[in-house]
Structure formats: C-alpha cells, structure tokens
Amino acid sequence: MITVIGIGEDGLDGLSAAARTLVDGAEVLVGGARHLAMIPANGAERLTWASPFADSRTLLEARADKRMVVLASGEPLWFGAAVTLTGWFGADRVSVVPHPGAFSLACAHLGWAMQDCLFLTIHGRPLDSLAPHLAPGRRLLILAEDRTSPAKVVALLAQHGYGASPVVVLENLGGAAERITDVSGCASDLCVVAVECRLDRGVRPLSTVPGLPDEAFEHDGQLTKRDIRAATLAALAPLPGQVLWDVGAGCGSIAIEWMRAGGQAVAIESKPERLDRIARNAARLGVPGLEIIAGRAPDALPLDREPPDAIFVGGGVSEAGLLDICWSALGRGGRLVANAVTMEGEAALVALFGLHGGEMTRLSVAHLDRVGGFHAWHPAMPVTRYVGWKK
C-alpha cells in the first residue's frame, strides 16, 4: 500500500494527527525536495521524484514491500501525484489523505464559491489550452507553471479579447510567505492566478458550440463553411474523451471544433502547406493537443490504433476504397459522416448508403448580399451529407 498525504506550505504543523502518525511510521518517504525538507529526520529512506517523472515508477516498485508515504501538494487527486500513482498501481494500492489545496485556499481568500469556479492548470501544460474556457463572467483559478505564468495569462487574455479581466495572483497559500498581489508583483513559482473574465468592448466571444465564424480560422478556401460545419458536427455528435479522425482536414476546422467540445482528434492532411496552418489554428483556438498526420488517406490512416469513435471525410470521398476503409476502421457504435459537393462524390456516398444504410441529406445555404443598390440571396453550392452508425 502506498499512502499519499497532502501537505501544504505550513508543512508538518498543518497535518492531522493521523497523517503525522503515518509519516512517523513510514519506512520510505517520497516527494519533491521541497516537501521532504518539511519533515524532520526520522530514519526513513528519502526518495525524490525522478526526472522524467515517469521513471519514478521503477523506484517505487523496487520498494513495494516497504511502508511507503508519498508527500504531495494539497489535494493529491486534483492535478496531483495521486492521479498518476493510481493509474500505475490501481486504486486498491493507493490510499490518499487530502489536505486543503491551493484552489480551496484561493477561494477562501477571494470569497468565491467553489462550485461557481472553473479550476485549470498550466503546470506542464500548454498555455493555449486555456482559450476554450474563456467566457464572459466566468471565474477561473489557474495553477501556474512558475512566476512568469501570471504575465503570460494576462497576454493570452488580451489576445482573445479579455484584456479587461481583473487578475489576482495568490502566492505560497497556507504558508508564512503567503500573499495576494497583482501580476507585476508576482515573485513566487508557487502561485494561483485568479481571473474574472470580462470581454473587451466590441469583441464577440467564441462559443464552444459549433460552428465558429469562418473568419476564426486561417484557411486557403479549403474550409467546411460555418452553417455546414455546425450541421456536420451535430451529426458527428462529439462527446467528452471520444476520438475523431478528420480525413482530408483542410484547415482543421472539424477536428478543432470537435476538441473544443471535449473530445480528442487526429487530423489527416496530405498538402504540406496546410499542416502548419492546422497547427496554428489549433493553438489559437485552444486545442494545441490536436494530433496532425501528414499524408494522403487511406495510406496515412492510423489503422494500427484503437478504433475511433467517429470519422469525418471532408475531402477525397470519391477516392477508390477510402470510404470502405474508413467504415471498416470504426468500432461498434462508431459513426461515419462524409460530405460531397460533386456528382462523383455524391455517387460514392449513395453507394455507401446502399451497403450500410444510414441517412442522406442535401444541405443548401444561401446568404443575403448586396446586388447594386438592392439585396438578394446568394446560394452556396449544395452539400450532400452521409451519416452512418456501425452496429
């Protein structure tokens, strides 16, 4: 059994009697150098985390027969070490003794109701991942990477039209050096950034509901337009944690909006000039974790992996065998959505419908525009959409 004990900046004095008993009886104490320095010498072996952190698993396994106590910041199951340890060894081998963490302490100082806040971290994670969570009136508490993080958060807020947002930095919470300051006064790597999101005047916020305005994406014309994109994503039915393959990704708009809804995605694109564009769009719109595969489908499809939950084919639907391979790649309950604007592409979708059933829909959109001194409807090319579910 590995016991993970949450510890704050007040060190040993802040631990409960039960937690102190566990620390005193440990044969092996594990933690960062800062945490281990809080505990007086008691005869236990002291083990600091390996770098990279994943190498620590071998060190812990070698001491599996010892009474082992791991020291972790605050609430160990909230972006903490206990999450990794339960993944490695199973919940039945890991016991957790929590302690008030940085987020709890920050809310106590600010008078913010915890249930109304969104708790995030950029510790070891991309700063751009904050972008989808920005919304007027939302309160964010962000665990920093280091003392430079608050200024980077402020820059990101300004970049996305939230430069008016009040920002407070809370340092060394729970310890003797605890203080609340502004961004310019931040002097500690151990800090939480509190943001009350306020939209700048004249800025239109981006929703996490598909579809984003076309101008939100950098593109060369290879873009599923907003109205068709929203209908396409509704058919794909994104769910948190599920995986999409976006085949013929273009500028990555479908994969990016899928991820903004909480899923994971792989964008497959054959044209080299579009790959960097997809990456830039993904970072700017808050999903830097989008995986991009360079290559032409079907050869570039990652068929050696677990089946995806959904596949979208936006380009190359008339490519010989592509739709059949995509259908075969889906697992049970997976869905395939494909769009076509040419007769050849539509014929391929009709053939797929004949084999597997599903739904066929013709989508037509017209936009109002000026014609001289008047206004008239300008129709876009109609799109034929196939939706199929694998039983």
Protein backbone atom coordinates (compact mmCIF):
# COMPACT_ATOMS: atom_id res chain seq x y z
CA MET A 1 0.00 0.00 0.00
CA ILE A 2 1.22 3.48 -0.91
CA THR A 3 -0.16 6.31 1.23
CA VAL A 4 -0.28 9.72 -0.42
CA ILE A 5 -0.50 12.58 2.08
CA GLY A 6 -1.44 16.08 1.03
CA ILE A 7 0.78 18.69 2.62
CA GLY A 8 0.57 22.47 2.48
CA GLU A 9 3.01 25.34 2.82
CA ASP A 10 2.57 25.10 6.62
CA GLY A 11 4.36 21.75 6.47
CA LEU A 12 4.21 19.26 9.32
CA ASP A 13 2.25 21.65 11.54
CA GLY A 14 -0.68 21.57 9.14
CA LEU A 15 -1.05 17.77 9.12
CA SER A 16 -3.70 15.97 11.14
CA ALA A 17 -2.67 13.66 13.94
CA ALA A 18 -3.45 10.64 11.77
CA ALA A 19 -1.35 11.95 8.89
CA ARG A 20 1.57 12.69 11.22
CA THR A 21 1.39 9.14 12.58
CA LEU A 22 1.61 7.76 9.04
CA VAL A 23 4.61 9.99 8.27
CA ASP A 24 6.36 8.98 11.51
CA GLY A 25 5.83 5.28 10.75
CA ALA A 26 6.99 5.38 7.13
CA GLU A 27 9.96 3.29 6.04
CA VAL A 28 10.20 5.25 2.79
CA LEU A 29 9.28 8.91 2.31
CA VAL A 30 8.77 10.03 -1.29
CA GLY A 31 8.29 13.55 -2.66
CA GLY A 32 9.87 16.63 -4.11
CA ALA A 33 12.87 18.14 -2.36
CA ARG A 34 10.71 20.99 -1.02
CA HIS A 35 8.23 18.61 0.62
CA LEU A 36 10.86 16.27 2.05
CA ALA A 37 12.64 19.25 3.63
CA MET A 38 9.48 19.92 5.68
CA ILE A 39 9.85 16.60 7.54
CA PRO A 40 12.50 16.20 10.29
CA ALA A 41 14.81 13.21 10.01
CA ASN A 42 13.00 10.10 11.31
CA GLY A 43 15.12 7.23 9.98
CA ALA A 44 13.03 6.68 6.85
CA GLU A 45 14.66 6.35 3.46
CA ARG A 46 14.10 9.54 1.46
CA LEU A 47 13.35 9.30 -2.23
CA THR A 48 12.95 12.32 -4.51
CA TRP A 49 10.97 12.11 -7.73
CA ALA A 50 12.92 11.05 -10.79
CA SER A 51 13.25 13.20 -13.89
CA PRO A 52 11.40 12.48 -16.07
CA PHE A 53 8.64 11.78 -13.55
CA ALA A 54 7.60 8.52 -15.25
CA ASP A 55 10.92 6.95 -14.21
CA SER A 56 9.74 7.16 -10.59
CA ARG A 57 7.54 4.13 -11.16
CA THR A 58 10.54 1.79 -11.18
CA LEU A 59 11.87 3.35 -7.96
CA LEU A 60 8.55 2.81 -6.19
CA GLU A 61 8.10 -0.73 -7.48
CA ALA A 62 11.53 -1.66 -6.09
CA ARG A 63 10.28 -0.73 -2.61
CA ALA A 64 6.88 -2.38 -2.82
CA ASP A 65 7.49 -4.33 0.41
CA LYS A 66 8.08 -1.14 2.45
CA ARG A 67 5.66 1.15 4.30
CA MET A 68 5.72 3.99 1.80
CA VAL A 69 4.39 7.54 2.26
CA VAL A 70 4.27 9.97 -0.65
CA LEU A 71 4.08 13.70 0.10
CA ALA A 72 2.15 15.78 -2.44
CA SER A 73 0.86 19.33 -2.58
CA GLY A 74 -2.58 19.96 -1.11
CA GLU A 75 -5.26 17.75 -2.64
CA PRO A 76 -3.27 14.91 -4.26
CA LEU A 77 -6.11 13.81 -6.55
CA TRP A 78 -6.54 17.31 -8.01
CA PHE A 79 -3.90 17.61 -10.75
CA GLY A 80 -1.66 15.83 -8.23
CA ALA A 81 0.69 12.87 -7.84
CA ALA A 82 -2.04 10.52 -6.59
CA VAL A 83 -3.71 10.63 -10.01
CA THR A 84 -0.58 9.20 -11.64
CA LEU A 85 0.03 6.68 -8.86
CA THR A 86 -3.48 5.22 -9.03
CA GLY A 87 -3.02 4.90 -12.78
CA TRP A 88 0.22 2.99 -12.26
CA PHE A 89 -0.72 0.75 -9.34
CA GLY A 90 -4.53 0.79 -9.10
CA ALA A 91 -6.81 2.49 -6.58
CA ASP A 92 -6.72 -0.55 -4.29
CA ARG A 93 -2.98 0.00 -3.65
CA VAL A 94 -3.07 3.77 -3.16
CA SER A 95 -4.54 5.43 -0.07
CA VAL A 96 -5.00 9.21 -0.11
CA VAL A 97 -5.09 11.64 2.84
CA PRO A 98 -6.11 15.02 1.37
CA HIS A 99 -5.26 18.49 2.64
CA PRO A 100 -6.79 21.87 1.70
CA GLY A 101 -5.23 22.67 -1.66
CA ALA A 102 -4.34 25.87 -3.45
CA PHE A 103 -7.77 26.18 -5.09
CA SER A 104 -9.65 25.79 -1.80
CA LEU A 105 -7.40 28.32 -0.11
CA ALA A 106 -7.67 30.75 -3.02
CA CYS A 107 -11.48 30.63 -2.96
CA ALA A 108 -11.40 31.22 0.80
CA HIS A 109 -9.32 34.37 0.32
CA LEU A 110 -11.39 35.68 -2.59
CA GLY A 111 -14.81 34.75 -1.21
CA TRP A 112 -15.57 32.84 -4.40
CA ALA A 113 -18.00 29.91 -4.27
CA MET A 114 -16.03 26.87 -5.43
CA GLN A 115 -18.95 25.39 -7.35
CA ASP A 116 -19.08 28.55 -9.50
CA CYS A 117 -15.39 28.46 -10.45
CA LEU A 118 -13.50 26.60 -13.14
CA PHE A 119 -10.23 25.06 -11.93
CA LEU A 120 -7.45 24.78 -14.51
CA THR A 121 -3.71 24.22 -14.65
CA ILE A 122 -0.90 25.26 -16.96
CA HIS A 123 1.67 23.38 -14.87
CA GLY A 124 3.30 21.22 -17.52
CA ARG A 125 0.51 22.02 -19.99
CA PRO A 126 0.23 24.44 -22.92
CA LEU A 127 -0.89 27.96 -22.10
CA ASP A 128 -3.11 27.93 -25.21
CA SER A 129 -5.28 25.24 -23.61
CA LEU A 130 -6.91 27.99 -21.52
CA ALA A 131 -8.55 29.62 -24.55
CA PRO A 132 -11.73 27.48 -24.83
CA HIS A 133 -12.58 28.22 -21.19
CA LEU A 134 -12.76 31.98 -21.60
CA ALA A 135 -16.33 33.23 -21.30
CA PRO A 136 -17.87 36.48 -20.03
CA GLY A 137 -18.49 36.35 -16.28
CA ARG A 138 -16.64 33.09 -15.74
CA ARG A 139 -14.25 32.81 -12.80
CA LEU A 140 -11.05 30.89 -13.45
CA LEU A 141 -8.46 29.65 -10.97
CA ILE A 142 -5.29 28.61 -12.76
CA LEU A 143 -2.40 26.68 -11.21
CA ALA A 144 0.77 28.34 -12.52
CA GLU A 145 3.85 26.76 -14.03
CA ASP A 146 6.14 29.34 -12.41
CA ARG A 147 6.38 33.04 -11.55
CA THR A 148 6.25 34.01 -15.25
CA SER A 149 2.83 32.38 -15.70
CA PRO A 150 0.65 35.29 -14.49
CA ALA A 151 2.06 37.68 -17.11
CA LYS A 152 1.59 35.03 -19.80
CA VAL A 153 -2.03 34.54 -18.74
CA VAL A 154 -2.64 38.29 -18.99
CA ALA A 155 -1.14 38.33 -22.50
CA LEU A 156 -3.37 35.44 -23.56
CA LEU A 157 -6.45 37.21 -22.17
CA ALA A 158 -5.65 40.30 -24.23
CA GLN A 159 -5.03 38.18 -27.33
CA HIS A 160 -8.51 36.66 -27.06
CA GLY A 161 -10.40 39.84 -26.28
CA TYR A 162 -10.48 39.54 -22.49
CA GLY A 163 -7.90 42.18 -21.67
CA ALA A 164 -10.33 43.95 -19.33
CA SER A 165 -10.46 40.95 -16.98
CA PRO A 166 -9.34 41.57 -13.37
CA VAL A 167 -6.43 39.27 -12.46
CA VAL A 168 -5.17 38.47 -8.96
CA VAL A 169 -2.13 36.36 -8.05
CA LEU A 170 -2.14 34.33 -4.82
CA GLU A 171 1.31 33.13 -3.73
CA ASN A 172 2.51 30.49 -1.24
CA LEU A 173 -1.01 29.82 0.01
CA GLY A 174 -1.18 28.40 3.53
CA GLY A 175 2.41 29.28 4.42
CA ALA A 176 4.26 32.04 6.24
CA ALA A 177 5.13 33.73 2.91
CA GLU A 178 1.51 33.79 1.74
CA ARG A 179 0.44 36.97 -0.04
CA ILE A 180 -2.01 38.30 -2.61
CA THR A 181 -0.60 40.56 -5.30
CA ASP A 182 -1.03 41.71 -8.87
CA VAL A 183 0.73 40.31 -11.91
CA SER A 184 3.65 42.72 -11.78
CA GLY A 185 4.35 41.86 -8.14
CA CYS A 186 4.45 38.07 -8.54
CA ALA A 187 7.69 36.71 -7.10
CA SER A 188 6.92 33.04 -6.38
CA ASP A 189 6.73 29.95 -8.54
CA LEU A 190 4.04 28.59 -6.18
CA CYS A 191 1.08 30.67 -7.23
CA VAL A 192 -2.51 30.56 -8.41
CA VAL A 193 -3.84 33.02 -10.98
CA ALA A 194 -7.43 34.13 -10.37
CA VAL A 195 -9.28 35.60 -13.37
CA GLU A 196 -12.73 37.14 -13.53
CA CYS A 197 -13.40 37.08 -17.26
CA ARG A 198 -14.59 40.36 -18.78
CA LEU A 199 -14.96 40.78 -22.51
CA ASP A 200 -13.39 43.81 -24.15
CA ARG A 201 -15.81 46.26 -25.73
CA GLY A 202 -16.71 45.38 -29.32
CA VAL A 203 -15.40 41.80 -29.12
CA ARG A 204 -17.66 38.88 -29.95
CA PRO A 205 -16.93 35.83 -27.77
CA LEU A 206 -16.32 32.43 -29.33
CA SER A 207 -18.68 29.69 -28.24
CA THR A 208 -17.76 26.06 -27.63
CA VAL A 209 -20.92 25.14 -29.55
CA PRO A 210 -20.23 24.52 -33.27
CA GLY A 211 -19.82 26.35 -35.57
CA LEU A 212 -17.36 29.12 -35.13
CA PRO A 213 -17.33 32.01 -37.62
CA ASP A 214 -15.36 31.21 -40.77
CA GLU A 215 -13.00 34.09 -40.01
CA ALA A 216 -11.93 32.35 -36.79
CA PHE A 217 -9.87 30.01 -38.98
CA GLU A 218 -6.85 30.71 -41.13
CA HIS A 219 -7.55 28.92 -44.41
CA ASP A 220 -6.92 28.82 -48.16
CA GLY A 221 -10.54 28.23 -49.09
CA GLN A 222 -10.46 24.56 -48.05
CA LEU A 223 -12.88 25.07 -45.17
CA THR A 224 -16.19 23.48 -44.24
CA LYS A 225 -18.26 26.65 -44.02
CA ARG A 226 -19.92 27.65 -40.77
CA ASP A 227 -23.51 26.50 -41.40
CA ILE A 228 -22.49 23.20 -42.97
CA ARG A 229 -19.84 22.71 -40.29
CA ALA A 230 -22.37 23.13 -37.49
CA ALA A 231 -24.69 20.56 -39.12
CA THR A 232 -21.77 18.20 -39.73
CA LEU A 233 -20.59 18.33 -36.13
CA ALA A 234 -24.15 17.79 -34.91
CA ALA A 235 -24.17 14.57 -36.96
CA LEU A 236 -20.75 13.54 -35.64
CA ALA A 237 -22.12 14.03 -32.09
CA PRO A 238 -18.90 14.86 -30.17
CA LEU A 239 -18.69 13.55 -26.61
CA PRO A 240 -16.01 14.20 -23.97
CA GLY A 241 -12.99 11.94 -24.37
CA GLN A 242 -14.10 10.37 -27.66
CA VAL A 243 -11.76 10.25 -30.66
CA LEU A 244 -12.37 11.65 -34.16
CA TRP A 245 -10.38 11.11 -37.34
CA ASP A 246 -10.72 14.15 -39.63
CA VAL A 247 -9.76 12.81 -43.06
CA GLY A 248 -8.72 15.48 -45.55
CA ALA A 249 -8.66 18.03 -42.75
CA GLY A 250 -8.01 21.15 -44.85
CA CYS A 251 -7.56 23.86 -42.19
CA GLY A 252 -8.61 21.51 -39.37
CA SER A 253 -11.93 23.18 -38.59
CA ILE A 254 -13.93 19.99 -37.92
CA ALA A 255 -11.23 18.43 -35.72
CA ILE A 256 -10.72 21.69 -33.81
CA GLU A 257 -14.41 22.18 -33.07
CA TRP A 258 -14.70 18.52 -32.02
CA MET A 259 -11.90 19.08 -29.50
CA ARG A 260 -13.43 22.33 -28.24
CA ALA A 261 -16.47 20.20 -27.39
CA GLY A 262 -14.27 17.98 -25.19
CA GLY A 263 -13.05 15.21 -27.49
CA GLN A 264 -9.68 14.15 -28.92
CA ALA A 265 -8.92 14.29 -32.64
CA VAL A 266 -6.47 13.31 -35.35
CA ALA A 267 -6.27 15.50 -38.46
CA ILE A 268 -5.01 13.76 -41.62
CA GLU A 269 -3.92 16.10 -44.42
CA SER A 270 -1.76 15.47 -47.49
CA LYS A 271 -0.83 19.02 -48.55
CA PRO A 272 2.32 20.26 -46.71
CA GLU A 273 1.31 23.93 -46.81
CA ARG A 274 -1.84 23.13 -44.85
CA LEU A 275 -0.15 21.27 -41.99
CA ASP A 276 1.31 24.37 -40.32
CA ARG A 277 -2.00 26.16 -40.86
CA ILE A 278 -3.85 23.41 -38.99
CA ALA A 279 -1.34 23.65 -36.12
CA ARG A 280 -1.70 27.43 -35.90
CA ASN A 281 -5.49 27.21 -35.90
CA ALA A 282 -5.44 24.53 -33.21
CA ALA A 283 -3.14 26.56 -30.92
CA ARG A 284 -5.03 29.83 -31.38
CA LEU A 285 -8.41 28.21 -30.73
CA GLY A 286 -7.25 26.45 -27.57
CA VAL A 287 -6.68 22.84 -28.63
CA PRO A 288 -2.89 22.54 -29.06
CA GLY A 289 -3.17 18.81 -28.41
CA LEU A 290 -4.64 18.14 -31.86
CA GLU A 291 -2.60 15.38 -33.50
CA ILE A 292 -1.70 16.09 -37.12
CA ILE A 293 -0.70 13.32 -39.53
CA ALA A 294 0.92 14.28 -42.83
CA GLY A 295 -0.11 12.03 -45.67
CA ARG A 296 -2.81 11.01 -48.08
CA ALA A 297 -5.67 8.80 -46.99
CA PRO A 298 -6.19 5.90 -46.90
CA ASP A 299 -2.44 5.17 -46.64
CA ALA A 300 -1.95 7.70 -43.82
CA LEU A 301 -4.83 6.47 -41.67
CA PRO A 302 -3.59 5.20 -38.26
CA LEU A 303 -5.24 1.80 -38.68
CA ASP A 304 -2.98 0.16 -36.08
CA ARG A 305 -4.68 2.04 -33.22
CA GLU A 306 -7.86 1.56 -31.26
CA PRO A 307 -10.92 2.22 -33.46
CA PRO A 308 -12.02 5.88 -33.43
CA ASP A 309 -15.48 6.84 -32.20
CA ALA A 310 -16.17 8.92 -35.30
CA ILE A 311 -14.66 9.61 -38.72
CA PHE A 312 -15.33 12.64 -40.90
CA VAL A 313 -14.37 12.55 -44.56
CA GLY A 314 -14.45 16.05 -45.96
CA GLY A 315 -12.16 15.57 -48.95
CA GLY A 316 -11.46 12.72 -51.32
CA VAL A 317 -14.78 10.91 -50.82
CA SER A 318 -14.57 9.64 -54.40
CA GLU A 319 -11.08 8.19 -53.79
CA ALA A 320 -11.26 4.48 -54.59
CA GLY A 321 -11.81 2.40 -51.46
CA LEU A 322 -11.46 5.30 -48.98
CA LEU A 323 -14.99 5.21 -47.58
CA ASP A 324 -14.93 1.41 -47.26
CA ILE A 325 -11.64 1.51 -45.34
CA CYS A 326 -12.96 4.25 -43.05
CA TRP A 327 -16.10 2.24 -42.36
CA SER A 328 -14.03 -0.85 -41.54
CA ALA A 329 -11.84 1.20 -39.16
CA LEU A 330 -14.80 2.17 -36.96
CA GLY A 331 -15.64 0.18 -33.86
CA ARG A 332 -19.12 -0.82 -32.73
CA GLY A 333 -21.24 2.29 -32.19
CA GLY A 334 -18.91 4.42 -34.32
CA ARG A 335 -20.28 6.91 -36.80
CA LEU A 336 -19.09 7.96 -40.22
CA VAL A 337 -20.00 11.34 -41.65
CA ALA A 338 -18.97 12.36 -45.16
CA ASN A 339 -19.73 15.44 -47.26
CA ALA A 340 -19.66 15.77 -51.04
CA VAL A 341 -20.27 18.63 -53.48
CA THR A 342 -19.52 16.84 -56.78
CA MET A 343 -21.60 14.25 -58.62
CA GLU A 344 -18.73 11.75 -58.31
CA GLY A 345 -18.56 12.29 -54.55
CA GLU A 346 -22.32 12.01 -54.22
CA ALA A 347 -22.27 8.74 -56.15
CA ALA A 348 -19.74 7.35 -53.67
CA LEU A 349 -22.00 8.34 -50.77
CA VAL A 350 -25.02 6.75 -52.44
CA ALA A 351 -23.05 3.51 -52.84
CA LEU A 352 -22.08 3.61 -49.17
CA PHE A 353 -25.70 4.20 -48.22
CA GLY A 354 -26.69 1.16 -50.29
CA LEU A 355 -24.23 -1.03 -48.40
CA HIS A 356 -24.73 0.15 -44.82
CA GLY A 357 -27.88 2.24 -44.66
CA GLY A 358 -27.84 5.42 -42.60
CA GLU A 359 -29.03 8.88 -43.58
CA MET A 360 -28.58 11.01 -46.69
CA THR A 361 -29.27 14.74 -46.52
CA ARG A 362 -28.96 17.56 -49.04
CA LEU A 363 -27.88 20.79 -47.34
CA SER A 364 -28.42 24.11 -49.11
CA VAL A 365 -27.48 27.50 -47.69
CA ALA A 366 -27.97 31.00 -49.11
CA HIS A 367 -26.62 34.26 -47.71
CA LEU A 368 -28.05 37.73 -48.17
CA ASP A 369 -25.75 40.11 -50.03
CA ARG A 370 -25.91 43.34 -51.98
CA VAL A 371 -26.68 43.47 -55.69
CA GLY A 372 -26.08 47.05 -56.69
CA GLY A 373 -28.42 49.12 -54.57
CA PHE A 374 -30.53 46.11 -53.58
CA HIS A 375 -30.15 42.86 -51.64
CA ALA A 376 -30.53 39.29 -52.91
CA TRP A 377 -29.90 35.74 -51.76
CA HIS A 378 -26.64 34.19 -52.97
CA PRO A 379 -26.83 30.38 -52.77
CA ALA A 380 -23.74 28.35 -51.93
CA MET A 381 -23.06 25.01 -53.62
CA PRO A 382 -25.36 22.35 -52.11
CA VAL A 383 -23.67 19.70 -49.96
CA THR A 384 -24.72 16.07 -49.82
CA ARG A 385 -24.15 14.56 -46.39
CA TYR A 386 -23.98 10.89 -45.44
CA VAL A 387 -24.32 9.76 -41.81
CA GLY A 388 -23.92 6.13 -40.83
CA TRP A 389 -23.69 4.27 -37.49
CA LYS A 390 -21.84 0.98 -37.20
CA LYS A 391 -23.74 -1.66 -35.23
